[in-house]
Amino acid sequence: MRTALTIAGSDSSGGAGIQADMKTMTMNGVYAMSAVTALTAQNTTGIRGILEVEPEFLKKQIDAVFEDIYPDAVKIGMLSSGELIRVTAERLKFYRAKQIVLDPVLAATSGSKLIQGDGVSALVSELLPLCTLVTPNIPEAEVLSGQIIRGKEDMLAAAERIGKTYGCAVLLKGGHNARNANDLLYTEGESIWYEGKRIGNPNTHGTGCTLSSAIAANLAKGFDLAESVQKAKDYISGAILAMLDLGRGCGPMNHAFDLHGRFAEEK
């Protein structure tokens, strides 16, 4: 069985972060492992508190995984400080990790800032050059590229700048575009557009975590980058279309929408 590691923060409500990553990886057919970067106290209405792990303890978690069950792919989510980013980058280089997918989590959907101090500079200098793929949304891509993004041509320019600057493929997510939800994959000088229709479901908590984890799972299984992105987009569309409605705010998707079998049966 193929394996994948998620390095990310915990979401106590289960809709994003480590919890969403591991659900997604399991549903996409790989064995999921984790290294927790932070605990968050949150629900569908927002984040109440963040407790970072010590950098040395994050190192021990990553070491424990790589020394025993070497992952076929790595997904990286919330890293809230420069120290945690540098530890993560150093260990991934040490183990020569492959198929690294970075979801550059700069802020939560609720607007809460999730990266502190010199975190952004450490992210771009230490971690981005190691990645196979980075998956920014439009606000994140504006930070990484230094460009304002208002339309399709701006998305192309920003993705190209990020890709050429850091030597990785870029999936620029268009969900913040008012007109459509089209995503752009820029890789090795080639641009591929993935058309997306908006789904009338306000419960989309954890979409970024879910998409990047599904891509990592498919890369771990041997699919190429373009196939992995398409499969991940199909999966997340199904999870949103399942119309799960939990909580009083922006609720989670149904990661297990395609789960069948006697252990999933209800009474």
C-alpha atoms as a PDB file:
ATOM      1  CA  MET A   1       0.000   0.000   0.000  1.00  0.00           C
ATOM      2  CA  ARG A   2       1.274   3.485  -0.852  1.00  0.00           C
ATOM      3  CA  THR A   3       1.784   5.948   1.999  1.00  0.00           C
ATOM      4  CA  ALA A   4       1.520   9.702   2.557  1.00  0.00           C
ATOM      5  CA  LEU A   5       2.540  12.022   5.384  1.00  0.00           C
ATOM      6  CA  THR A   6       0.728  15.199   6.340  1.00  0.00           C
ATOM      7  CA  ILE A   7       2.640  17.870   8.247  1.00  0.00           C
ATOM      8  CA  ALA A   8      -0.006  20.306   9.447  1.00  0.00           C
ATOM      9  CA  GLY A   9      -2.042  21.677  12.322  1.00  0.00           C
ATOM     10  CA  SER A  10      -4.927  19.986  14.089  1.00  0.00           C
ATOM     11  CA  ASP A  11      -8.525  21.135  13.678  1.00  0.00           C
ATOM     12  CA  SER A  12     -10.578  20.194  16.714  1.00  0.00           C
ATOM     13  CA  SER A  13     -13.803  20.374  14.684  1.00  0.00           C
ATOM     14  CA  GLY A  14     -12.470  17.804  12.188  1.00  0.00           C
ATOM     15  CA  GLY A  15     -13.135  19.716   8.981  1.00  0.00           C
ATOM     16  CA  ALA A  16      -9.651  20.936   8.095  1.00  0.00           C
ATOM     17  CA  GLY A  17      -6.017  20.380   9.021  1.00  0.00           C
ATOM     18  CA  ILE A  18      -4.629  16.995  10.011  1.00  0.00           C
ATOM     19  CA  GLN A  19      -8.096  15.513  10.426  1.00  0.00           C
ATOM     20  CA  ALA A  20      -9.242  16.463   6.929  1.00  0.00           C
ATOM     21  CA  ASP A  21      -5.896  15.389   5.469  1.00  0.00           C
ATOM     22  CA  MET A  22      -6.031  11.904   6.950  1.00  0.00           C
ATOM     23  CA  LYS A  23      -9.675  11.378   5.956  1.00  0.00           C
ATOM     24  CA  THR A  24      -8.868  12.502   2.425  1.00  0.00           C
ATOM     25  CA  MET A  25      -5.764  10.352   2.093  1.00  0.00           C
ATOM     26  CA  THR A  26      -7.627   7.299   3.384  1.00  0.00           C
ATOM     27  CA  MET A  27     -10.525   7.856   0.974  1.00  0.00           C
ATOM     28  CA  ASN A  28      -8.021   8.265  -1.859  1.00  0.00           C
ATOM     29  CA  GLY A  29      -6.464   4.904  -1.181  1.00  0.00           C
ATOM     30  CA  VAL A  30      -3.202   5.540   0.684  1.00  0.00           C
ATOM     31  CA  TYR A  31      -2.035   4.919   4.235  1.00  0.00           C
ATOM     32  CA  ALA A  32      -2.009   8.275   6.054  1.00  0.00           C
ATOM     33  CA  MET A  33       0.528   9.412   8.659  1.00  0.00           C
ATOM     34  CA  SER A  34       0.924  12.739  10.440  1.00  0.00           C
ATOM     35  CA  ALA A  35       3.274  15.175  12.122  1.00  0.00           C
ATOM     36  CA  VAL A  36       1.295  17.765  14.081  1.00  0.00           C
ATOM     37  CA  THR A  37       2.619  21.332  13.934  1.00  0.00           C
ATOM     38  CA  ALA A  38       0.024  23.002  16.170  1.00  0.00           C
ATOM     39  CA  LEU A  39      -3.161  22.400  18.110  1.00  0.00           C
ATOM     40  CA  THR A  40      -6.053  24.716  17.372  1.00  0.00           C
ATOM     41  CA  ALA A  41      -9.219  25.283  19.343  1.00  0.00           C
ATOM     42  CA  GLN A  42     -11.722  25.910  16.567  1.00  0.00           C
ATOM     43  CA  ASN A  43     -15.113  25.092  15.170  1.00  0.00           C
ATOM     44  CA  THR A  44     -17.097  26.108  12.104  1.00  0.00           C
ATOM     45  CA  THR A  45     -17.428  29.689  13.361  1.00  0.00           C
ATOM     46  CA  GLY A  46     -13.734  30.456  13.844  1.00  0.00           C
ATOM     47  CA  ILE A  47     -10.466  29.862  15.688  1.00  0.00           C
ATOM     48  CA  ARG A  48     -10.298  30.473  19.451  1.00  0.00           C
ATOM     49  CA  GLY A  49      -6.678  29.611  20.092  1.00  0.00           C
ATOM     50  CA  ILE A  50      -3.476  28.141  18.643  1.00  0.00           C
ATOM     51  CA  LEU A  51      -0.862  26.152  20.570  1.00  0.00           C
ATOM     52  CA  GLU A  52       2.329  25.576  18.575  1.00  0.00           C
ATOM     53  CA  VAL A  53       4.395  22.446  19.108  1.00  0.00           C
ATOM     54  CA  GLU A  54       8.066  22.881  19.965  1.00  0.00           C
ATOM     55  CA  PRO A  55      10.325  22.702  16.877  1.00  0.00           C
ATOM     56  CA  GLU A  56      12.318  19.866  18.431  1.00  0.00           C
ATOM     57  CA  PHE A  57       9.132  17.843  18.932  1.00  0.00           C
ATOM     58  CA  LEU A  58       8.075  18.397  15.324  1.00  0.00           C
ATOM     59  CA  LYS A  59      11.513  17.122  14.309  1.00  0.00           C
ATOM     60  CA  LYS A  60      10.990  13.980  16.403  1.00  0.00           C
ATOM     61  CA  GLN A  61       7.610  13.336  14.758  1.00  0.00           C
ATOM     62  CA  ILE A  62       9.027  13.661  11.246  1.00  0.00           C
ATOM     63  CA  ASP A  63      12.007  11.469  12.145  1.00  0.00           C
ATOM     64  CA  ALA A  64       9.727   8.811  13.634  1.00  0.00           C
ATOM     65  CA  VAL A  65       7.743   8.564  10.395  1.00  0.00           C
ATOM     66  CA  PHE A  66      10.625   8.595   7.917  1.00  0.00           C
ATOM     67  CA  GLU A  67      12.762   6.144   9.891  1.00  0.00           C
ATOM     68  CA  ASP A  68      10.012   3.524   9.927  1.00  0.00           C
ATOM     69  CA  ILE A  69       7.446   4.000   7.124  1.00  0.00           C
ATOM     70  CA  TYR A  70       8.983   6.158   4.395  1.00  0.00           C
ATOM     71  CA  PRO A  71       6.168   8.192   2.796  1.00  0.00           C
ATOM     72  CA  ASP A  72       5.581   8.098  -0.955  1.00  0.00           C
ATOM     73  CA  ALA A  73       4.325  11.694  -0.787  1.00  0.00           C
ATOM     74  CA  VAL A  74       4.238  14.554   1.713  1.00  0.00           C
ATOM     75  CA  LYS A  75       1.551  17.193   2.126  1.00  0.00           C
ATOM     76  CA  ILE A  76       2.428  20.319   4.121  1.00  0.00           C
ATOM     77  CA  GLY A  77      -0.213  22.598   5.584  1.00  0.00           C
ATOM     78  CA  MET A  78      -0.161  24.991   8.520  1.00  0.00           C
ATOM     79  CA  LEU A  79       3.312  25.942   9.729  1.00  0.00           C
ATOM     80  CA  SER A  80       2.815  28.942  11.968  1.00  0.00           C
ATOM     81  CA  SER A  81       6.403  30.115  12.542  1.00  0.00           C
ATOM     82  CA  GLY A  82       9.770  30.401  10.856  1.00  0.00           C
ATOM     83  CA  GLU A  83      11.270  27.929  13.322  1.00  0.00           C
ATOM     84  CA  LEU A  84       8.783  25.199  12.417  1.00  0.00           C
ATOM     85  CA  ILE A  85       9.253  25.881   8.706  1.00  0.00           C
ATOM     86  CA  ARG A  86      13.034  25.621   8.972  1.00  0.00           C
ATOM     87  CA  VAL A  87      12.856  22.356  10.938  1.00  0.00           C
ATOM     88  CA  THR A  88      10.446  20.884   8.392  1.00  0.00           C
ATOM     89  CA  ALA A  89      12.613  21.916   5.444  1.00  0.00           C
ATOM     90  CA  GLU A  90      15.781  20.582   7.047  1.00  0.00           C
ATOM     91  CA  ARG A  91      14.281  17.165   7.802  1.00  0.00           C
ATOM     92  CA  LEU A  92      12.704  16.826   4.348  1.00  0.00           C
ATOM     93  CA  LYS A  93      16.068  17.601   2.761  1.00  0.00           C
ATOM     94  CA  PHE A  94      17.801  15.152   5.109  1.00  0.00           C
ATOM     95  CA  TYR A  95      15.455  12.311   4.130  1.00  0.00           C
ATOM     96  CA  ARG A  96      15.311  13.329   0.461  1.00  0.00           C
ATOM     97  CA  ALA A  97      11.532  13.411   0.617  1.00  0.00           C
ATOM     98  CA  LYS A  98       9.692  13.118  -2.680  1.00  0.00           C
ATOM     99  CA  GLN A  99       6.390  14.367  -4.097  1.00  0.00           C
ATOM    100  CA  ILE A 100       6.030  17.292  -1.697  1.00  0.00           C
ATOM    101  CA  VAL A 101       2.772  19.258  -1.972  1.00  0.00           C
ATOM    102  CA  LEU A 102       2.628  22.569  -0.081  1.00  0.00           C
ATOM    103  CA  ASP A 103      -0.648  24.269   0.781  1.00  0.00           C
ATOM    104  CA  PRO A 104       0.745  27.666   1.862  1.00  0.00           C
ATOM    105  CA  VAL A 105      -1.684  28.366   4.697  1.00  0.00           C
ATOM    106  CA  LEU A 106      -1.312  32.064   5.477  1.00  0.00           C
ATOM    107  CA  ALA A 107      -4.779  32.725   6.931  1.00  0.00           C
ATOM    108  CA  ALA A 108      -7.921  30.800   7.827  1.00  0.00           C
ATOM    109  CA  THR A 109     -11.174  31.158   5.888  1.00  0.00           C
ATOM    110  CA  SER A 110     -12.481  33.083   8.912  1.00  0.00           C
ATOM    111  CA  GLY A 111      -9.678  35.642   8.406  1.00  0.00           C
ATOM    112  CA  SER A 112      -7.492  34.585  11.342  1.00  0.00           C
ATOM    113  CA  LYS A 113      -3.773  34.968  10.601  1.00  0.00           C
ATOM    114  CA  LEU A 114      -2.049  31.590  10.833  1.00  0.00           C
ATOM    115  CA  ILE A 115       1.600  32.438  10.130  1.00  0.00           C
ATOM    116  CA  GLN A 116       3.663  34.657  12.386  1.00  0.00           C
ATOM    117  CA  GLY A 117       6.890  36.677  12.408  1.00  0.00           C
ATOM    118  CA  ASP A 118       9.398  35.657   9.749  1.00  0.00           C
ATOM    119  CA  GLY A 119       7.233  32.738   8.653  1.00  0.00           C
ATOM    120  CA  VAL A 120       6.523  33.983   5.128  1.00  0.00           C
ATOM    121  CA  SER A 121      10.191  34.702   4.372  1.00  0.00           C
ATOM    122  CA  ALA A 122      11.188  31.275   5.722  1.00  0.00           C
ATOM    123  CA  LEU A 123       8.441  29.660   3.663  1.00  0.00           C
ATOM    124  CA  VAL A 124       9.651  31.120   0.386  1.00  0.00           C
ATOM    125  CA  SER A 125      13.377  30.725   1.042  1.00  0.00           C
ATOM    126  CA  GLU A 126      13.495  27.326   2.780  1.00  0.00           C
ATOM    127  CA  LEU A 127      10.431  25.316   1.834  1.00  0.00           C
ATOM    128  CA  LEU A 128       9.125  26.353  -1.582  1.00  0.00           C
ATOM    129  CA  PRO A 129      12.307  25.310  -3.448  1.00  0.00           C
ATOM    130  CA  LEU A 130      11.865  21.748  -2.115  1.00  0.00           C
ATOM    131  CA  CYS A 131       8.302  21.356  -3.343  1.00  0.00           C
ATOM    132  CA  THR A 132       6.884  19.435  -6.260  1.00  0.00           C
ATOM    133  CA  LEU A 133       3.738  21.572  -6.159  1.00  0.00           C
ATOM    134  CA  VAL A 134       2.454  24.606  -4.282  1.00  0.00           C
ATOM    135  CA  THR A 135      -1.318  25.226  -4.157  1.00  0.00           C
ATOM    136  CA  PRO A 136      -2.037  28.885  -3.294  1.00  0.00           C
ATOM    137  CA  ASN A 137      -5.419  30.531  -3.518  1.00  0.00           C
ATOM    138  CA  ILE A 138      -5.559  33.998  -5.078  1.00  0.00           C
ATOM    139  CA  PRO A 139      -4.706  36.005  -1.902  1.00  0.00           C
ATOM    140  CA  GLU A 140      -1.835  33.623  -1.125  1.00  0.00           C
ATOM    141  CA  ALA A 141      -0.561  33.802  -4.703  1.00  0.00           C
ATOM    142  CA  GLU A 142      -0.575  37.596  -4.473  1.00  0.00           C
ATOM    143  CA  VAL A 143       1.718  37.360  -1.441  1.00  0.00           C
ATOM    144  CA  LEU A 144       4.027  34.793  -3.052  1.00  0.00           C
ATOM    145  CA  SER A 145       4.235  36.569  -6.420  1.00  0.00           C
ATOM    146  CA  GLY A 146       4.033  40.192  -5.297  1.00  0.00           C
ATOM    147  CA  GLN A 147       1.367  40.788  -7.948  1.00  0.00           C
ATOM    148  CA  ILE A 148      -2.289  41.813  -7.839  1.00  0.00           C
ATOM    149  CA  ILE A 149      -4.572  39.182  -9.394  1.00  0.00           C
ATOM    150  CA  ARG A 150      -7.836  40.341 -10.944  1.00  0.00           C
ATOM    151  CA  GLY A 151      -8.384  37.962 -13.847  1.00  0.00           C
ATOM    152  CA  LYS A 152      -7.120  35.126 -16.022  1.00  0.00           C
ATOM    153  CA  GLU A 153      -4.060  36.924 -17.387  1.00  0.00           C
ATOM    154  CA  ASP A 154      -3.027  37.970 -13.879  1.00  0.00           C
ATOM    155  CA  MET A 155      -3.355  34.351 -12.713  1.00  0.00           C
ATOM    156  CA  LEU A 156      -1.092  33.215 -15.562  1.00  0.00           C
ATOM    157  CA  ALA A 157       1.510  35.870 -14.778  1.00  0.00           C
ATOM    158  CA  ALA A 158       1.499  35.158 -11.037  1.00  0.00           C
ATOM    159  CA  ALA A 159       1.712  31.384 -11.468  1.00  0.00           C
ATOM    160  CA  GLU A 160       4.585  31.747 -13.917  1.00  0.00           C
ATOM    161  CA  ARG A 161       6.466  34.070 -11.581  1.00  0.00           C
ATOM    162  CA  ILE A 162       6.048  31.736  -8.588  1.00  0.00           C
ATOM    163  CA  GLY A 163       7.015  28.669 -10.627  1.00  0.00           C
ATOM    164  CA  LYS A 164      10.093  30.243 -12.183  1.00  0.00           C
ATOM    165  CA  THR A 165      11.231  31.881  -8.947  1.00  0.00           C
ATOM    166  CA  TYR A 166      11.023  28.770  -6.762  1.00  0.00           C
ATOM    167  CA  GLY A 167      11.396  25.953  -9.280  1.00  0.00           C
ATOM    168  CA  CYS A 168       8.141  24.172  -8.460  1.00  0.00           C
ATOM    169  CA  ALA A 169       4.819  23.557 -10.170  1.00  0.00           C
ATOM    170  CA  VAL A 170       1.955  25.866  -9.156  1.00  0.00           C
ATOM    171  CA  LEU A 171      -1.758  25.130  -8.843  1.00  0.00           C
ATOM    172  CA  LEU A 172      -3.345  28.566  -8.518  1.00  0.00           C
ATOM    173  CA  LYS A 173      -6.847  28.079  -7.176  1.00  0.00           C
ATOM    174  CA  GLY A 174      -9.456  30.414  -8.609  1.00  0.00           C
ATOM    175  CA  GLY A 175     -12.120  30.000  -5.935  1.00  0.00           C
ATOM    176  CA  HIS A 176     -11.745  33.653  -4.852  1.00  0.00           C
ATOM    177  CA  ASN A 177     -12.564  34.769  -8.406  1.00  0.00           C
ATOM    178  CA  ALA A 178     -16.097  36.162  -8.419  1.00  0.00           C
ATOM    179  CA  ARG A 179     -16.865  34.901 -11.943  1.00  0.00           C
ATOM    180  CA  ASN A 180     -15.751  31.267 -11.809  1.00  0.00           C
ATOM    181  CA  ALA A 181     -13.853  28.642  -9.839  1.00  0.00           C
ATOM    182  CA  ASN A 182     -11.309  27.765 -12.530  1.00  0.00           C
ATOM    183  CA  ASP A 183      -7.884  26.573 -11.368  1.00  0.00           C
ATOM    184  CA  LEU A 184      -4.585  26.961 -13.200  1.00  0.00           C
ATOM    185  CA  LEU A 185      -1.768  24.421 -13.153  1.00  0.00           C
ATOM    186  CA  TYR A 186       1.583  25.853 -14.252  1.00  0.00           C
ATOM    187  CA  THR A 187       4.320  23.254 -14.657  1.00  0.00           C
ATOM    188  CA  GLU A 188       7.530  23.227 -16.688  1.00  0.00           C
ATOM    189  CA  GLY A 189       6.415  26.210 -18.750  1.00  0.00           C
ATOM    190  CA  GLU A 190       3.022  24.674 -19.576  1.00  0.00           C
ATOM    191  CA  SER A 191      -0.327  26.032 -18.400  1.00  0.00           C
ATOM    192  CA  ILE A 192      -3.347  23.772 -17.892  1.00  0.00           C
ATOM    193  CA  TRP A 193      -6.759  25.172 -16.956  1.00  0.00           C
ATOM    194  CA  TYR A 194      -9.264  23.134 -14.948  1.00  0.00           C
ATOM    195  CA  GLU A 195     -12.761  24.481 -15.324  1.00  0.00           C
ATOM    196  CA  GLY A 196     -14.816  24.468 -12.172  1.00  0.00           C
ATOM    197  CA  LYS A 197     -18.489  25.192 -11.619  1.00  0.00           C
ATOM    198  CA  ARG A 198     -19.555  26.836  -8.399  1.00  0.00           C
ATOM    199  CA  ILE A 199     -21.563  24.478  -6.200  1.00  0.00           C
ATOM    200  CA  GLY A 200     -24.351  26.010  -4.121  1.00  0.00           C
ATOM    201  CA  ASN A 201     -23.071  24.747  -0.779  1.00  0.00           C
ATOM    202  CA  PRO A 202     -21.712  27.252   1.771  1.00  0.00           C
ATOM    203  CA  ASN A 203     -20.090  24.458   3.793  1.00  0.00           C
ATOM    204  CA  THR A 204     -16.580  24.417   2.367  1.00  0.00           C
ATOM    205  CA  HIS A 205     -14.424  24.433   5.503  1.00  0.00           C
ATOM    206  CA  GLY A 206     -11.127  22.701   4.752  1.00  0.00           C
ATOM    207  CA  THR A 207     -11.251  22.734   0.951  1.00  0.00           C
ATOM    208  CA  GLY A 208      -7.596  23.748   0.625  1.00  0.00           C
ATOM    209  CA  CYS A 209      -6.435  21.010   2.982  1.00  0.00           C
ATOM    210  CA  THR A 210      -8.588  18.453   1.219  1.00  0.00           C
ATOM    211  CA  LEU A 211      -7.493  19.337  -2.309  1.00  0.00           C
ATOM    212  CA  SER A 212      -3.762  19.315  -1.518  1.00  0.00           C
ATOM    213  CA  SER A 213      -4.049  16.039   0.409  1.00  0.00           C
ATOM    214  CA  ALA A 214      -5.916  14.377  -2.449  1.00  0.00           C
ATOM    215  CA  ILE A 215      -3.240  15.527  -4.896  1.00  0.00           C
ATOM    216  CA  ALA A 216      -0.504  14.144  -2.635  1.00  0.00           C
ATOM    217  CA  ALA A 217      -2.348  10.828  -2.331  1.00  0.00           C
ATOM    218  CA  ASN A 218      -2.601  10.471  -6.097  1.00  0.00           C
ATOM    219  CA  LEU A 219       1.043  11.405  -6.605  1.00  0.00           C
ATOM    220  CA  ALA A 220       1.912   8.727  -4.042  1.00  0.00           C
ATOM    221  CA  LYS A 221      -0.018   6.198  -6.141  1.00  0.00           C
ATOM    222  CA  GLY A 222       2.024   7.052  -9.230  1.00  0.00           C
ATOM    223  CA  PHE A 223      -0.302   9.336 -11.181  1.00  0.00           C
ATOM    224  CA  ASP A 224       1.368  12.259 -12.917  1.00  0.00           C
ATOM    225  CA  LEU A 225       0.761  15.811 -11.731  1.00  0.00           C
ATOM    226  CA  ALA A 226      -1.999  16.738 -14.181  1.00  0.00           C
ATOM    227  CA  GLU A 227      -3.883  13.479 -13.484  1.00  0.00           C
ATOM    228  CA  SER A 228      -3.436  13.909  -9.730  1.00  0.00           C
ATOM    229  CA  VAL A 229      -4.917  17.399  -9.840  1.00  0.00           C
ATOM    230  CA  GLN A 230      -7.912  16.268 -11.911  1.00  0.00           C
ATOM    231  CA  LYS A 231      -8.615  13.314  -9.630  1.00  0.00           C
ATOM    232  CA  ALA A 232      -8.344  15.563  -6.577  1.00  0.00           C
ATOM    233  CA  LYS A 233     -10.737  18.103  -8.063  1.00  0.00           C
ATOM    234  CA  ASP A 234     -13.238  15.349  -8.859  1.00  0.00           C
ATOM    235  CA  TYR A 235     -12.986  14.098  -5.280  1.00  0.00           C
ATOM    236  CA  ILE A 236     -13.487  17.506  -3.675  1.00  0.00           C
ATOM    237  CA  SER A 237     -16.461  18.223  -5.946  1.00  0.00           C
ATOM    238  CA  GLY A 238     -18.075  15.010  -4.737  1.00  0.00           C
ATOM    239  CA  ALA A 239     -17.392  15.913  -1.109  1.00  0.00           C
ATOM    240  CA  ILE A 240     -19.034  19.331  -1.544  1.00  0.00           C
ATOM    241  CA  LEU A 241     -21.962  17.956  -3.589  1.00  0.00           C
ATOM    242  CA  ALA A 242     -22.796  15.559  -0.734  1.00  0.00           C
ATOM    243  CA  MET A 243     -24.286  18.635   0.999  1.00  0.00           C
ATOM    244  CA  LEU A 244     -23.224  17.801   4.546  1.00  0.00           C
ATOM    245  CA  ASP A 245     -24.576  20.446   6.923  1.00  0.00           C
ATOM    246  CA  LEU A 246     -22.941  20.528  10.353  1.00  0.00           C
ATOM    247  CA  GLY A 247     -22.272  23.408  12.710  1.00  0.00           C
ATOM    248  CA  ARG A 248     -23.408  27.020  12.920  1.00  0.00           C
ATOM    249  CA  GLY A 249     -20.778  28.508  10.603  1.00  0.00           C
ATOM    250  CA  CYS A 250     -18.901  27.447   7.461  1.00  0.00           C
ATOM    251  CA  GLY A 251     -19.220  23.708   7.938  1.00  0.00           C
ATOM    252  CA  PRO A 252     -17.108  20.792   6.722  1.00  0.00           C
ATOM    253  CA  MET A 253     -17.526  18.721   3.592  1.00  0.00           C
ATOM    254  CA  ASN A 254     -18.372  15.034   3.638  1.00  0.00           C
ATOM    255  CA  HIS A 255     -14.956  13.476   3.062  1.00  0.00           C
ATOM    256  CA  ALA A 256     -16.515  10.014   3.253  1.00  0.00           C
ATOM    257  CA  PHE A 257     -19.186  10.638   0.601  1.00  0.00           C
ATOM    258  CA  ASP A 258     -17.973   7.632  -1.405  1.00  0.00           C
ATOM    259  CA  LEU A 259     -17.522   5.288   1.547  1.00  0.00           C
ATOM    260  CA  HIS A 260     -19.355   2.000   1.080  1.00  0.00           C
ATOM    261  CA  GLY A 261     -19.196  -1.331   2.834  1.00  0.00           C
ATOM    262  CA  ARG A 262     -20.613  -3.055   5.849  1.00  0.00           C
ATOM    263  CA  PHE A 263     -18.525  -1.060   8.335  1.00  0.00           C
ATOM    264  CA  ALA A 264     -20.018   2.190   7.037  1.00  0.00           C
ATOM    265  CA  GLU A 265     -23.623   1.034   7.287  1.00  0.00           C
ATOM    266  CA  GLU A 266     -26.025   2.859   9.589  1.00  0.00           C
ATOM    267  CA  LYS A 267     -28.600   1.126  11.727  1.00  0.00           C
END
